[in-house]
PDB file of N, CA and C in Angstrom:
ATOM      1  N   MET A   1     -47.679 -42.064  36.403  1.00  0.00           N
ATOM      2  CA  MET A   1     -47.044 -43.421  36.217  1.00  0.00           C
ATOM      3  C   MET A   1     -47.198 -44.293  37.397  1.00  0.00           C
ATOM      4  N   GLY A   2     -47.458 -45.575  37.155  1.00  0.00           N
ATOM      5  CA  GLY A   2     -47.795 -46.563  38.153  1.00  0.00           C
ATOM      6  C   GLY A   2     -46.574 -46.748  39.085  1.00  0.00           C
ATOM      7  N   LYS A   3     -46.918 -46.947  40.257  1.00  0.00           N
ATOM      8  CA  LYS A   3     -45.790 -47.347  41.349  1.00  0.00           C
ATOM      9  C   LYS A   3     -45.337 -48.596  40.910  1.00  0.00           C
ATOM     10  N   SER A   4     -43.990 -48.883  40.928  1.00  0.00           N
ATOM     11  CA  SER A   4     -43.492 -50.217  40.911  1.00  0.00           C
ATOM     12  C   SER A   4     -43.545 -51.126  42.195  1.00  0.00           C
ATOM     13  N   THR A   5     -43.465 -52.522  41.786  1.00  0.00           N
ATOM     14  CA  THR A   5     -43.680 -53.351  43.070  1.00  0.00           C
ATOM     15  C   THR A   5     -42.206 -53.913  43.314  1.00  0.00           C
ATOM     16  N   LYS A   6     -42.087 -54.693  44.427  1.00  0.00           N
ATOM     17  CA  LYS A   6     -40.869 -55.140  44.782  1.00  0.00           C
ATOM     18  C   LYS A   6     -40.364 -55.982  43.558  1.00  0.00           C
ATOM     19  N   PHE A   7     -41.215 -56.996  43.096  1.00  0.00           N
ATOM     20  CA  PHE A   7     -40.614 -57.731  42.163  1.00  0.00           C
ATOM     21  C   PHE A   7     -40.359 -57.224  40.878  1.00  0.00           C
ATOM     22  N   ALA A   8     -41.113 -55.902  40.451  1.00  0.00           N
ATOM     23  CA  ALA A   8     -40.496 -55.252  39.293  1.00  0.00           C
ATOM     24  C   ALA A   8     -39.278 -54.465  39.763  1.00  0.00           C
ATOM     25  N   ASP A   9     -39.064 -53.817  40.613  1.00  0.00           N
ATOM     26  CA  ASP A   9     -37.865 -53.403  41.074  1.00  0.00           C
ATOM     27  C   ASP A   9     -36.809 -54.282  40.954  1.00  0.00           C
ATOM     28  N   LEU A  10     -36.994 -55.547  41.554  1.00  0.00           N
ATOM     29  CA  LEU A  10     -35.866 -56.565  41.530  1.00  0.00           C
ATOM     30  C   LEU A  10     -35.678 -56.999  40.088  1.00  0.00           C
ATOM     31  N   TYR A  11     -36.484 -57.176  39.392  1.00  0.00           N
ATOM     32  CA  TYR A  11     -36.283 -57.467  37.982  1.00  0.00           C
ATOM     33  C   TYR A  11     -35.555 -56.328  37.246  1.00  0.00           C
ATOM     34  N   LEU A  12     -35.979 -55.085  37.214  1.00  0.00           N
ATOM     35  CA  LEU A  12     -35.356 -53.984  36.504  1.00  0.00           C
ATOM     36  C   LEU A  12     -33.863 -53.845  37.024  1.00  0.00           C
ATOM     37  N   ARG A  13     -33.589 -53.992  38.375  1.00  0.00           N
ATOM     38  CA  ARG A  13     -32.361 -53.979  38.850  1.00  0.00           C
ATOM     39  C   ARG A  13     -31.310 -54.990  38.273  1.00  0.00           C
ATOM     40  N   PHE A  14     -31.900 -56.294  37.919  1.00  0.00           N
ATOM     41  CA  PHE A  14     -31.467 -57.399  37.503  1.00  0.00           C
ATOM     42  C   PHE A  14     -30.752 -57.021  35.938  1.00  0.00           C
ATOM     43  N   ILE A  15     -31.909 -56.423  35.207  1.00  0.00           N
ATOM     44  CA  ILE A  15     -31.842 -55.983  33.895  1.00  0.00           C
ATOM     45  C   ILE A  15     -30.712 -54.976  33.786  1.00  0.00           C
ATOM     46  N   GLN A  16     -30.710 -54.120  34.829  1.00  0.00           N
ATOM     47  CA  GLN A  16     -29.635 -52.940  34.900  1.00  0.00           C
ATOM     48  C   GLN A  16     -28.189 -53.746  34.771  1.00  0.00           C
ATOM     49  N   LEU A  17     -27.962 -54.648  35.767  1.00  0.00           N
ATOM     50  CA  LEU A  17     -26.864 -55.208  35.911  1.00  0.00           C
ATOM     51  C   LEU A  17     -26.520 -56.182  34.944  1.00  0.00           C
ATOM     52  N   ALA A  18     -27.220 -56.613  34.298  1.00  0.00           N
ATOM     53  CA  ALA A  18     -26.863 -57.692  33.103  1.00  0.00           C
ATOM     54  C   ALA A  18     -26.681 -56.644  31.893  1.00  0.00           C
ATOM     55  N   GLU A  19     -27.269 -55.662  31.736  1.00  0.00           N
ATOM     56  CA  GLU A  19     -26.712 -54.798  30.505  1.00  0.00           C
ATOM     57  C   GLU A  19     -25.300 -54.275  30.816  1.00  0.00           C
ATOM     58  N   ALA A  20     -25.147 -53.834  32.078  1.00  0.00           N
ATOM     59  CA  ALA A  20     -23.713 -53.456  32.348  1.00  0.00           C
ATOM     60  C   ALA A  20     -22.672 -54.616  32.158  1.00  0.00           C
ATOM     61  N   LEU A  21     -23.066 -55.853  32.375  1.00  0.00           N
ATOM     62  CA  LEU A  21     -22.201 -56.780  32.051  1.00  0.00           C
ATOM     63  C   LEU A  21     -21.996 -56.958  30.541  1.00  0.00           C
ATOM     64  N   ARG A  22     -23.123 -56.577  29.873  1.00  0.00           N
ATOM     65  CA  ARG A  22     -22.993 -56.655  28.247  1.00  0.00           C
ATOM     66  C   ARG A  22     -22.060 -55.791  27.727  1.00  0.00           C
ATOM     67  N   SER A  23     -21.918 -54.803  28.532  1.00  0.00           N
ATOM     68  CA  SER A  23     -20.899 -53.665  28.054  1.00  0.00           C
ATOM     69  C   SER A  23     -19.575 -53.961  28.180  1.00  0.00           C
ATOM     70  N   LEU A  24     -19.180 -55.011  29.074  1.00  0.00           N
ATOM     71  CA  LEU A  24     -17.777 -55.280  29.432  1.00  0.00           C
ATOM     72  C   LEU A  24     -17.155 -56.268  27.934  1.00  0.00           C
ATOM     73  N   PRO A  25     -16.101 -56.135  27.796  1.00  0.00           N
ATOM     74  CA  PRO A  25     -15.436 -56.787  26.713  1.00  0.00           C
ATOM     75  C   PRO A  25     -15.234 -58.317  27.069  1.00  0.00           C
ATOM     76  N   THR A  26     -16.420 -59.046  26.732  1.00  0.00           N
ATOM     77  CA  THR A  26     -15.933 -60.466  26.774  1.00  0.00           C
ATOM     78  C   THR A  26     -16.502 -61.217  25.455  1.00  0.00           C
ATOM     79  N   LEU A  27     -17.859 -61.579  25.224  1.00  0.00           N
ATOM     80  CA  LEU A  27     -17.909 -62.113  23.965  1.00  0.00           C
ATOM     81  C   LEU A  27     -18.891 -61.128  23.104  1.00  0.00           C
ATOM     82  N   PRO A  28     -18.654 -61.363  21.698  1.00  0.00           N
ATOM     83  CA  PRO A  28     -19.133 -60.226  20.876  1.00  0.00           C
ATOM     84  C   PRO A  28     -20.698 -60.247  21.049  1.00  0.00           C
ATOM     85  N   PRO A  29     -21.498 -59.326  20.961  1.00  0.00           N
ATOM     86  CA  PRO A  29     -22.923 -59.211  21.130  1.00  0.00           C
ATOM     87  C   PRO A  29     -23.719 -60.212  20.051  1.00  0.00           C
ATOM     88  N   LEU A  30     -24.997 -60.527  20.456  1.00  0.00           N
ATOM     89  CA  LEU A  30     -25.423 -61.422  19.309  1.00  0.00           C
ATOM     90  C   LEU A  30     -26.761 -60.535  19.016  1.00  0.00           C
ATOM     91  N   GLU A  31     -27.159 -60.999  17.668  1.00  0.00           N
ATOM     92  CA  GLU A  31     -28.292 -60.258  17.121  1.00  0.00           C
ATOM     93  C   GLU A  31     -29.595 -61.070  17.658  1.00  0.00           C
ATOM     94  N   PRO A  32     -30.787 -60.437  17.695  1.00  0.00           N
ATOM     95  CA  PRO A  32     -31.917 -61.026  18.446  1.00  0.00           C
ATOM     96  C   PRO A  32     -32.243 -62.503  18.054  1.00  0.00           C
ATOM     97  N   LEU A  33     -32.149 -63.035  16.637  1.00  0.00           N
ATOM     98  CA  LEU A  33     -32.149 -64.440  16.590  1.00  0.00           C
ATOM     99  C   LEU A  33     -31.285 -65.211  17.057  1.00  0.00           C
ATOM    100  N   GLU A  34     -29.716 -64.736  17.069  1.00  0.00           N
ATOM    101  CA  GLU A  34     -28.835 -65.392  17.683  1.00  0.00           C
ATOM    102  C   GLU A  34     -29.184 -65.462  19.110  1.00  0.00           C
ATOM    103  N   GLU A  35     -29.608 -64.649  19.987  1.00  0.00           N
ATOM    104  CA  GLU A  35     -30.066 -64.779  21.261  1.00  0.00           C
ATOM    105  C   GLU A  35     -30.955 -65.643  21.524  1.00  0.00           C
ATOM    106  N   ARG A  36     -31.803 -65.776  20.688  1.00  0.00           N
ATOM    107  CA  ARG A  36     -32.986 -66.850  20.656  1.00  0.00           C
ATOM    108  C   ARG A  36     -32.610 -68.164  20.499  1.00  0.00           C
ATOM    109  N   ILE A  37     -31.722 -68.316  19.429  1.00  0.00           N
ATOM    110  CA  ILE A  37     -31.046 -69.620  19.205  1.00  0.00           C
ATOM    111  C   ILE A  37     -30.313 -70.109  20.537  1.00  0.00           C
ATOM    112  N   LEU A  38     -29.413 -68.999  21.236  1.00  0.00           N
ATOM    113  CA  LEU A  38     -28.446 -69.297  22.263  1.00  0.00           C
ATOM    114  C   LEU A  38     -29.439 -69.866  23.200  1.00  0.00           C
ATOM    115  N   MET A  39     -30.555 -69.420  23.598  1.00  0.00           N
ATOM    116  CA  MET A  39     -31.347 -69.602  24.680  1.00  0.00           C
ATOM    117  C   MET A  39     -32.081 -71.123  24.536  1.00  0.00           C
ATOM    118  N   ILE A  40     -32.275 -71.247  23.223  1.00  0.00           N
ATOM    119  CA  ILE A  40     -32.731 -72.822  22.858  1.00  0.00           C
ATOM    120  C   ILE A  40     -31.586 -73.649  23.274  1.00  0.00           C
ATOM    121  N   VAL A  41     -30.403 -73.424  22.825  1.00  0.00           N
ATOM    122  CA  VAL A  41     -29.035 -74.143  22.924  1.00  0.00           C
ATOM    123  C   VAL A  41     -28.915 -74.374  24.413  1.00  0.00           C
ATOM    124  N   ALA A  42     -28.943 -73.195  25.205  1.00  0.00           N
ATOM    125  CA  ALA A  42     -28.643 -73.328  26.515  1.00  0.00           C
ATOM    126  C   ALA A  42     -29.787 -74.196  27.269  1.00  0.00           C
ATOM    127  N   ASN A  43     -30.988 -74.032  26.971  1.00  0.00           N
ATOM    128  CA  ASN A  43     -32.015 -74.897  27.507  1.00  0.00           C
ATOM    129  C   ASN A  43     -31.829 -76.111  27.116  1.00  0.00           C
ATOM    130  N   ALA A  44     -31.445 -76.761  25.947  1.00  0.00           N
ATOM    131  CA  ALA A  44     -31.139 -78.087  25.801  1.00  0.00           C
ATOM    132  C   ALA A  44     -30.151 -78.641  26.608  1.00  0.00           C
ATOM    133  N   HIS A  45     -28.958 -77.899  26.655  1.00  0.00           N
ATOM    134  CA  HIS A  45     -27.806 -77.957  27.587  1.00  0.00           C
ATOM    135  C   HIS A  45     -28.181 -78.173  29.084  1.00  0.00           C
ATOM    136  N   HIS A  46     -29.047 -77.472  29.532  1.00  0.00           N
ATOM    137  CA  HIS A  46     -29.424 -77.156  31.158  1.00  0.00           C
ATOM    138  C   HIS A  46     -30.690 -78.684  31.319  1.00  0.00           C
ATOM    139  N   ALA A  47     -31.155 -79.131  30.491  1.00  0.00           N
ATOM    140  CA  ALA A  47     -32.023 -80.173  30.521  1.00  0.00           C
ATOM    141  C   ALA A  47     -31.222 -81.415  30.069  1.00  0.00           C
ATOM    142  N   GLN A  48     -29.844 -81.523  29.545  1.00  0.00           N
ATOM    143  CA  GLN A  48     -28.924 -82.538  29.361  1.00  0.00           C
ATOM    144  C   GLN A  48     -29.704 -83.408  27.990  1.00  0.00           C
ATOM    145  N   GLU A  49     -30.220 -82.582  27.111  1.00  0.00           N
ATOM    146  CA  GLU A  49     -30.663 -83.076  25.897  1.00  0.00           C
ATOM    147  C   GLU A  49     -29.848 -82.630  24.869  1.00  0.00           C
ATOM    148  N   ARG A  50     -29.648 -83.394  23.800  1.00  0.00           N
ATOM    149  CA  ARG A  50     -28.931 -83.249  22.969  1.00  0.00           C
ATOM    150  C   ARG A  50     -29.688 -82.431  21.707  1.00  0.00           C
ATOM    151  N   LEU A  51     -29.201 -81.565  21.416  1.00  0.00           N
ATOM    152  CA  LEU A  51     -29.940 -80.596  20.227  1.00  0.00           C
ATOM    153  C   LEU A  51     -28.732 -80.594  18.883  1.00  0.00           C
ATOM    154  N   SER A  52     -29.341 -81.151  17.900  1.00  0.00           N
ATOM    155  CA  SER A  52     -28.407 -81.168  16.557  1.00  0.00           C
ATOM    156  C   SER A  52     -28.996 -79.929  15.399  1.00  0.00           C
ATOM    157  N   VAL A  53     -27.937 -79.826  14.946  1.00  0.00           N
ATOM    158  CA  VAL A  53     -28.391 -78.324  13.528  1.00  0.00           C
ATOM    159  C   VAL A  53     -29.773 -78.911  13.027  1.00  0.00           C
ATOM    160  N   LYS A  54     -29.847 -80.144  12.693  1.00  0.00           N
ATOM    161  CA  LYS A  54     -31.110 -80.466  12.252  1.00  0.00           C
ATOM    162  C   LYS A  54     -32.331 -80.401  12.667  1.00  0.00           C
ATOM    163  N   ASP A  55     -32.203 -80.501  14.353  1.00  0.00           N
ATOM    164  CA  ASP A  55     -33.258 -80.381  15.159  1.00  0.00           C
ATOM    165  C   ASP A  55     -33.547 -78.717  15.000  1.00  0.00           C
ATOM    166  N   LEU A  56     -32.642 -78.099  15.006  1.00  0.00           N
ATOM    167  CA  LEU A  56     -32.856 -76.579  15.040  1.00  0.00           C
ATOM    168  C   LEU A  56     -33.390 -76.036  13.799  1.00  0.00           C
ATOM    169  N   MET A  57     -33.248 -76.712  12.491  1.00  0.00           N
ATOM    170  CA  MET A  57     -33.698 -76.381  11.359  1.00  0.00           C
ATOM    171  C   MET A  57     -35.170 -76.766  11.406  1.00  0.00           C
ATOM    172  N   GLY A  58     -35.486 -77.779  12.145  1.00  0.00           N
ATOM    173  CA  GLY A  58     -37.054 -78.239  12.180  1.00  0.00           C
ATOM    174  C   GLY A  58     -37.813 -76.969  12.985  1.00  0.00           C
ATOM    175  N   MET A  59     -37.255 -76.381  13.288  1.00  0.00           N
ATOM    176  CA  MET A  59     -37.997 -75.135  14.052  1.00  0.00           C
ATOM    177  C   MET A  59     -38.289 -73.917  13.148  1.00  0.00           C
ATOM    178  N   SER A  60     -39.515 -74.019  12.485  1.00  0.00           N
ATOM    179  CA  SER A  60     -39.724 -73.173  11.464  1.00  0.00           C
ATOM    180  C   SER A  60     -39.830 -71.921  11.896  1.00  0.00           C
ATOM    181  N   GLU A  61     -40.272 -71.603  13.193  1.00  0.00           N
ATOM    182  CA  GLU A  61     -40.348 -70.101  13.699  1.00  0.00           C
ATOM    183  C   GLU A  61     -39.130 -69.513  13.573  1.00  0.00           C
ATOM    184  N   LEU A  62     -37.831 -70.007  13.318  1.00  0.00           N
ATOM    185  CA  LEU A  62     -36.535 -69.574  13.412  1.00  0.00           C
ATOM    186  C   LEU A  62     -36.278 -68.971  11.897  1.00  0.00           C
ATOM    187  N   GLY A  63     -36.787 -69.302  11.137  1.00  0.00           N
ATOM    188  CA  GLY A  63     -36.418 -69.092   9.919  1.00  0.00           C
ATOM    189  C   GLY A  63     -36.091 -70.109   8.780  1.00  0.00           C
ATOM    190  N   SER A  64     -35.503 -69.739   7.732  1.00  0.00           N
ATOM    191  CA  SER A  64     -35.135 -70.596   6.782  1.00  0.00           C
ATOM    192  C   SER A  64     -33.961 -71.345   7.313  1.00  0.00           C
ATOM    193  N   PRO A  65     -33.399 -72.457   6.649  1.00  0.00           N
ATOM    194  CA  PRO A  65     -32.420 -73.222   6.852  1.00  0.00           C
ATOM    195  C   PRO A  65     -31.113 -72.287   6.623  1.00  0.00           C
ATOM    196  N   ALA A  66     -31.274 -71.904   5.256  1.00  0.00           N
ATOM    197  CA  ALA A  66     -30.068 -70.851   4.958  1.00  0.00           C
ATOM    198  C   ALA A  66     -29.582 -69.694   6.024  1.00  0.00           C
ATOM    199  N   MET A  67     -30.744 -69.061   6.618  1.00  0.00           N
ATOM    200  CA  MET A  67     -30.648 -68.048   7.533  1.00  0.00           C
ATOM    201  C   MET A  67     -30.297 -68.585   8.821  1.00  0.00           C
ATOM    202  N   LEU A  68     -30.666 -69.656   9.320  1.00  0.00           N
ATOM    203  CA  LEU A  68     -30.132 -70.648  10.342  1.00  0.00           C
ATOM    204  C   LEU A  68     -28.600 -70.824  10.180  1.00  0.00           C
ATOM    205  N   HIS A  69     -28.209 -71.345   9.125  1.00  0.00           N
ATOM    206  CA  HIS A  69     -27.065 -71.711   8.891  1.00  0.00           C
ATOM    207  C   HIS A  69     -26.204 -70.467   9.326  1.00  0.00           C
ATOM    208  N   GLY A  70     -26.600 -69.597   8.633  1.00  0.00           N
ATOM    209  CA  GLY A  70     -25.748 -67.944   8.605  1.00  0.00           C
ATOM    210  C   GLY A  70     -25.605 -67.660  10.165  1.00  0.00           C
ATOM    211  N   ARG A  71     -26.785 -67.660  10.924  1.00  0.00           N
ATOM    212  CA  ARG A  71     -26.594 -67.229  12.423  1.00  0.00           C
ATOM    213  C   ARG A  71     -25.650 -68.232  13.181  1.00  0.00           C
ATOM    214  N   LEU A  72     -25.722 -69.332  12.875  1.00  0.00           N
ATOM    215  CA  LEU A  72     -25.168 -70.508  13.471  1.00  0.00           C
ATOM    216  C   LEU A  72     -23.507 -70.226  13.135  1.00  0.00           C
ATOM    217  N   LYS A  73     -23.359 -69.965  12.028  1.00  0.00           N
ATOM    218  CA  LYS A  73     -21.883 -69.728  11.619  1.00  0.00           C
ATOM    219  C   LYS A  73     -21.166 -68.360  12.520  1.00  0.00           C
ATOM    220  N   SER A  74     -22.287 -67.187  12.412  1.00  0.00           N
ATOM    221  CA  SER A  74     -21.902 -66.213  13.249  1.00  0.00           C
ATOM    222  C   SER A  74     -21.765 -66.392  14.605  1.00  0.00           C
ATOM    223  N   MET A  75     -22.802 -67.128  15.368  1.00  0.00           N
ATOM    224  CA  MET A  75     -22.384 -67.617  16.659  1.00  0.00           C
ATOM    225  C   MET A  75     -21.206 -68.407  16.905  1.00  0.00           C
ATOM    226  N   ARG A  76     -20.823 -69.264  16.148  1.00  0.00           N
ATOM    227  CA  ARG A  76     -19.602 -69.964  15.977  1.00  0.00           C
ATOM    228  C   ARG A  76     -18.280 -69.005  16.092  1.00  0.00           C
ATOM    229  N   GLU A  77     -18.332 -68.161  15.196  1.00  0.00           N
ATOM    230  CA  GLU A  77     -16.931 -67.178  15.013  1.00  0.00           C
ATOM    231  C   GLU A  77     -17.142 -66.283  16.155  1.00  0.00           C
ATOM    232  N   LYS A  78     -18.160 -65.642  16.623  1.00  0.00           N
ATOM    233  CA  LYS A  78     -18.301 -64.811  17.981  1.00  0.00           C
ATOM    234  C   LYS A  78     -18.029 -65.572  19.136  1.00  0.00           C
ATOM    235  N   GLY A  79     -17.871 -66.815  19.183  1.00  0.00           N
ATOM    236  CA  GLY A  79     -17.356 -67.798  20.340  1.00  0.00           C
ATOM    237  C   GLY A  79     -18.412 -68.213  21.173  1.00  0.00           C
ATOM    238  N   TRP A  80     -19.792 -68.207  20.840  1.00  0.00           N
ATOM    239  CA  TRP A  80     -20.822 -68.577  21.758  1.00  0.00           C
ATOM    240  C   TRP A  80     -21.151 -70.254  21.742  1.00  0.00           C
ATOM    241  N   ILE A  81     -21.131 -70.527  20.602  1.00  0.00           N
ATOM    242  CA  ILE A  81     -21.250 -72.071  20.384  1.00  0.00           C
ATOM    243  C   ILE A  81     -20.289 -72.652  19.632  1.00  0.00           C
ATOM    244  N   PHE A  82     -20.385 -74.235  19.578  1.00  0.00           N
ATOM    245  CA  PHE A  82     -19.524 -74.693  18.720  1.00  0.00           C
ATOM    246  C   PHE A  82     -20.386 -76.278  18.247  1.00  0.00           C
ATOM    247  N   LEU A  83     -19.761 -76.766  17.099  1.00  0.00           N
ATOM    248  CA  LEU A  83     -20.510 -77.873  16.945  1.00  0.00           C
ATOM    249  C   LEU A  83     -19.711 -79.281  17.078  1.00  0.00           C
ATOM    250  N   ALA A  84     -20.275 -80.008  17.775  1.00  0.00           N
ATOM    251  CA  ALA A  84     -19.635 -81.203  18.330  1.00  0.00           C
ATOM    252  C   ALA A  84     -19.949 -82.471  17.291  1.00  0.00           C
ATOM    253  N   ASP A  85     -19.181 -83.309  17.324  1.00  0.00           N
ATOM    254  CA  ASP A  85     -19.555 -84.590  16.297  1.00  0.00           C
ATOM    255  C   ASP A  85     -20.310 -85.589  17.078  1.00  0.00           C
ATOM    256  N   THR A  86     -21.167 -86.174  16.209  1.00  0.00           N
ATOM    257  CA  THR A  86     -22.071 -87.236  16.956  1.00  0.00           C
ATOM    258  C   THR A  86     -21.507 -88.505  16.216  1.00  0.00           C
ATOM    259  N   GLU A  87     -22.258 -89.577  16.625  1.00  0.00           N
ATOM    260  CA  GLU A  87     -22.115 -90.900  15.893  1.00  0.00           C
ATOM    261  C   GLU A  87     -21.962 -90.869  14.453  1.00  0.00           C
ATOM    262  N   ASP A  88     -23.109 -90.140  13.942  1.00  0.00           N
ATOM    263  CA  ASP A  88     -23.283 -89.909  12.525  1.00  0.00           C
ATOM    264  C   ASP A  88     -22.477 -88.780  12.009  1.00  0.00           C
ATOM    265  N   ALA A  89     -21.529 -88.792  11.292  1.00  0.00           N
ATOM    266  CA  ALA A  89     -20.604 -87.759  10.692  1.00  0.00           C
ATOM    267  C   ALA A  89     -21.303 -86.713  10.251  1.00  0.00           C
ATOM    268  N   ARG A  90     -22.558 -86.787   9.606  1.00  0.00           N
ATOM    269  CA  ARG A  90     -23.158 -85.691   8.790  1.00  0.00           C
ATOM    270  C   ARG A  90     -24.032 -85.137   9.695  1.00  0.00           C
ATOM    271  N   ARG A  91     -24.152 -85.371  11.187  1.00  0.00           N
ATOM    272  CA  ARG A  91     -25.073 -84.587  12.117  1.00  0.00           C
ATOM    273  C   ARG A  91     -24.214 -84.030  13.229  1.00  0.00           C
ATOM    274  N   LYS A  92     -24.335 -82.763  13.268  1.00  0.00           N
ATOM    275  CA  LYS A  92     -23.538 -82.243  14.250  1.00  0.00           C
ATOM    276  C   LYS A  92     -24.546 -81.772  15.550  1.00  0.00           C
ATOM    277  N   GLN A  93     -24.053 -81.906  16.903  1.00  0.00           N
ATOM    278  CA  GLN A  93     -24.452 -81.212  17.831  1.00  0.00           C
ATOM    279  C   GLN A  93     -24.112 -79.962  18.289  1.00  0.00           C
ATOM    280  N   LEU A  94     -25.273 -79.094  18.585  1.00  0.00           N
ATOM    281  CA  LEU A  94     -25.101 -77.703  19.183  1.00  0.00           C
ATOM    282  C   LEU A  94     -24.617 -77.806  20.716  1.00  0.00           C
ATOM    283  N   GLU A  95     -23.262 -76.922  20.896  1.00  0.00           N
ATOM    284  CA  GLU A  95     -22.882 -77.039  22.011  1.00  0.00           C
ATOM    285  C   GLU A  95     -22.546 -75.599  22.733  1.00  0.00           C
ATOM    286  N   LEU A  96     -22.631 -75.419  23.899  1.00  0.00           N
ATOM    287  CA  LEU A  96     -22.095 -73.856  24.590  1.00  0.00           C
ATOM    288  C   LEU A  96     -20.788 -73.882  24.318  1.00  0.00           C
ATOM    289  N   THR A  97     -19.898 -72.766  24.413  1.00  0.00           N
ATOM    290  CA  THR A  97     -18.528 -72.867  24.466  1.00  0.00           C
ATOM    291  C   THR A  97     -18.285 -72.750  26.096  1.00  0.00           C
ATOM    292  N   PRO A  98     -17.152 -72.986  26.425  1.00  0.00           N
ATOM    293  CA  PRO A  98     -16.805 -72.521  27.861  1.00  0.00           C
ATOM    294  C   PRO A  98     -16.761 -71.081  28.053  1.00  0.00           C
ATOM    295  N   ALA A  99     -16.755 -70.339  26.835  1.00  0.00           N
ATOM    296  CA  ALA A  99     -16.790 -68.644  27.180  1.00  0.00           C
ATOM    297  C   ALA A  99     -18.172 -68.384  27.432  1.00  0.00           C
ATOM    298  N   ALA A 100     -19.215 -69.240  26.639  1.00  0.00           N
ATOM    299  CA  ALA A 100     -20.708 -68.892  26.982  1.00  0.00           C
ATOM    300  C   ALA A 100     -20.983 -69.448  28.318  1.00  0.00           C
ATOM    301  N   MET A 101     -20.542 -70.384  28.742  1.00  0.00           N
ATOM    302  CA  MET A 101     -20.798 -70.745  30.155  1.00  0.00           C
ATOM    303  C   MET A 101     -20.329 -69.579  31.125  1.00  0.00           C
ATOM    304  N   ILE A 102     -19.395 -69.386  31.001  1.00  0.00           N
ATOM    305  CA  ILE A 102     -18.817 -68.071  32.022  1.00  0.00           C
ATOM    306  C   ILE A 102     -19.614 -66.890  31.851  1.00  0.00           C
ATOM    307  N   TYR A 103     -20.242 -66.614  30.825  1.00  0.00           N
ATOM    308  CA  TYR A 103     -21.071 -65.487  30.740  1.00  0.00           C
ATOM    309  C   TYR A 103     -22.355 -65.771  31.297  1.00  0.00           C
ATOM    310  N   PHE A 104     -22.825 -66.887  31.315  1.00  0.00           N
ATOM    311  CA  PHE A 104     -24.001 -67.311  31.979  1.00  0.00           C
ATOM    312  C   PHE A 104     -23.892 -67.260  33.363  1.00  0.00           C
ATOM    313  N   ASP A 105     -22.571 -67.686  34.013  1.00  0.00           N
ATOM    314  CA  ASP A 105     -22.276 -67.544  35.599  1.00  0.00           C
ATOM    315  C   ASP A 105     -22.175 -66.307  35.902  1.00  0.00           C
ATOM    316  N   LYS A 106     -21.761 -65.411  35.166  1.00  0.00           N
ATOM    317  CA  LYS A 106     -21.696 -63.719  35.307  1.00  0.00           C
ATOM    318  C   LYS A 106     -23.424 -63.279  35.410  1.00  0.00           C
ATOM    319  N   VAL A 107     -24.062 -63.586  34.425  1.00  0.00           N
ATOM    320  CA  VAL A 107     -25.397 -63.259  34.467  1.00  0.00           C
ATOM    321  C   VAL A 107     -26.078 -63.667  35.793  1.00  0.00           C
ATOM    322  N   ALA A 108     -25.939 -64.922  36.110  1.00  0.00           N
ATOM    323  CA  ALA A 108     -26.446 -65.707  37.492  1.00  0.00           C
ATOM    324  C   ALA A 108     -26.088 -64.665  38.725  1.00  0.00           C
ATOM    325  N   ARG A 109     -24.710 -64.347  38.388  1.00  0.00           N
ATOM    326  CA  ARG A 109     -24.382 -63.445  39.641  1.00  0.00           C
ATOM    327  C   ARG A 109     -24.802 -62.194  39.654  1.00  0.00           C
ATOM    328  N   CYS A 110     -25.296 -61.491  38.582  1.00  0.00           N
ATOM    329  CA  CYS A 110     -25.979 -60.488  38.388  1.00  0.00           C
ATOM    330  C   CYS A 110     -27.379 -60.550  39.217  1.00  0.00           C
ATOM    331  N   MET A 111     -28.013 -61.851  39.004  1.00  0.00           N
ATOM    332  CA  MET A 111     -29.323 -61.985  39.535  1.00  0.00           C
ATOM    333  C   MET A 111     -29.315 -62.174  40.966  1.00  0.00           C
ATOM    334  N   LEU A 112     -28.186 -62.975  41.575  1.00  0.00           N
ATOM    335  CA  LEU A 112     -27.966 -62.990  42.920  1.00  0.00           C
ATOM    336  C   LEU A 112     -27.548 -61.621  43.473  1.00  0.00           C
ATOM    337  N   LYS A 113     -26.673 -60.765  42.719  1.00  0.00           N
ATOM    338  CA  LYS A 113     -26.440 -59.640  43.532  1.00  0.00           C
ATOM    339  C   LYS A 113     -27.947 -58.724  43.627  1.00  0.00           C
ATOM    340  N   ALA A 114     -28.605 -58.642  42.661  1.00  0.00           N
ATOM    341  CA  ALA A 114     -30.226 -57.861  42.423  1.00  0.00           C
ATOM    342  C   ALA A 114     -30.886 -58.405  43.622  1.00  0.00           C
ATOM    343  N   VAL A 115     -30.990 -59.711  43.952  1.00  0.00           N
ATOM    344  CA  VAL A 115     -31.687 -60.262  44.936  1.00  0.00           C
ATOM    345  C   VAL A 115     -31.186 -59.722  46.285  1.00  0.00           C
ATOM    346  N   LYS A 116     -29.844 -59.741  46.514  1.00  0.00           N
ATOM    347  CA  LYS A 116     -29.216 -59.384  47.870  1.00  0.00           C
ATOM    348  C   LYS A 116     -29.341 -57.937  47.955  1.00  0.00           C
ATOM    349  N   GLU A 117     -29.128 -57.249  47.001  1.00  0.00           N
ATOM    350  CA  GLU A 117     -29.671 -55.700  47.135  1.00  0.00           C
ATOM    351  C   GLU A 117     -31.145 -55.292  47.360  1.00  0.00           C
ATOM    352  N   GLN A 118     -31.965 -56.331  47.114  1.00  0.00           N
ATOM    353  CA  GLN A 118     -33.338 -55.953  47.312  1.00  0.00           C
ATOM    354  C   GLN A 118     -33.735 -56.505  48.800  1.00  0.00           C
ATOM    355  N   SER A 119     -32.772 -57.201  49.464  1.00  0.00           N
ATOM    356  CA  SER A 119     -33.263 -57.854  50.857  1.00  0.00           C
ATOM    357  C   SER A 119     -32.941 -56.731  52.014  1.00  0.00           C
TER     358      SER A 119
END
């Protein structure tokens, strides 16, 4: 078995801490496609870009519109995202819930803890 490096050890420790966080009773877990969608919504949020449901439907690599609507409904019910109104009542913008932002804060703390332990 190969010897791990400092960065590999750091990353693996972060993963361990993040997995422990997932086992805590916060938001319900996401399926793999939902996690991918969450990262797309979070990246748009971080870049201060608007992301609509229609924009997401245009990403063919995520699957059919019917499947995406089902995943978005599931993610809303689990408390990860919500749909915000826009100027056009037919167009909804995807937003992270406050609970999702708290989750990301906790994951960031796991990252910082792993770095501090490595030092």
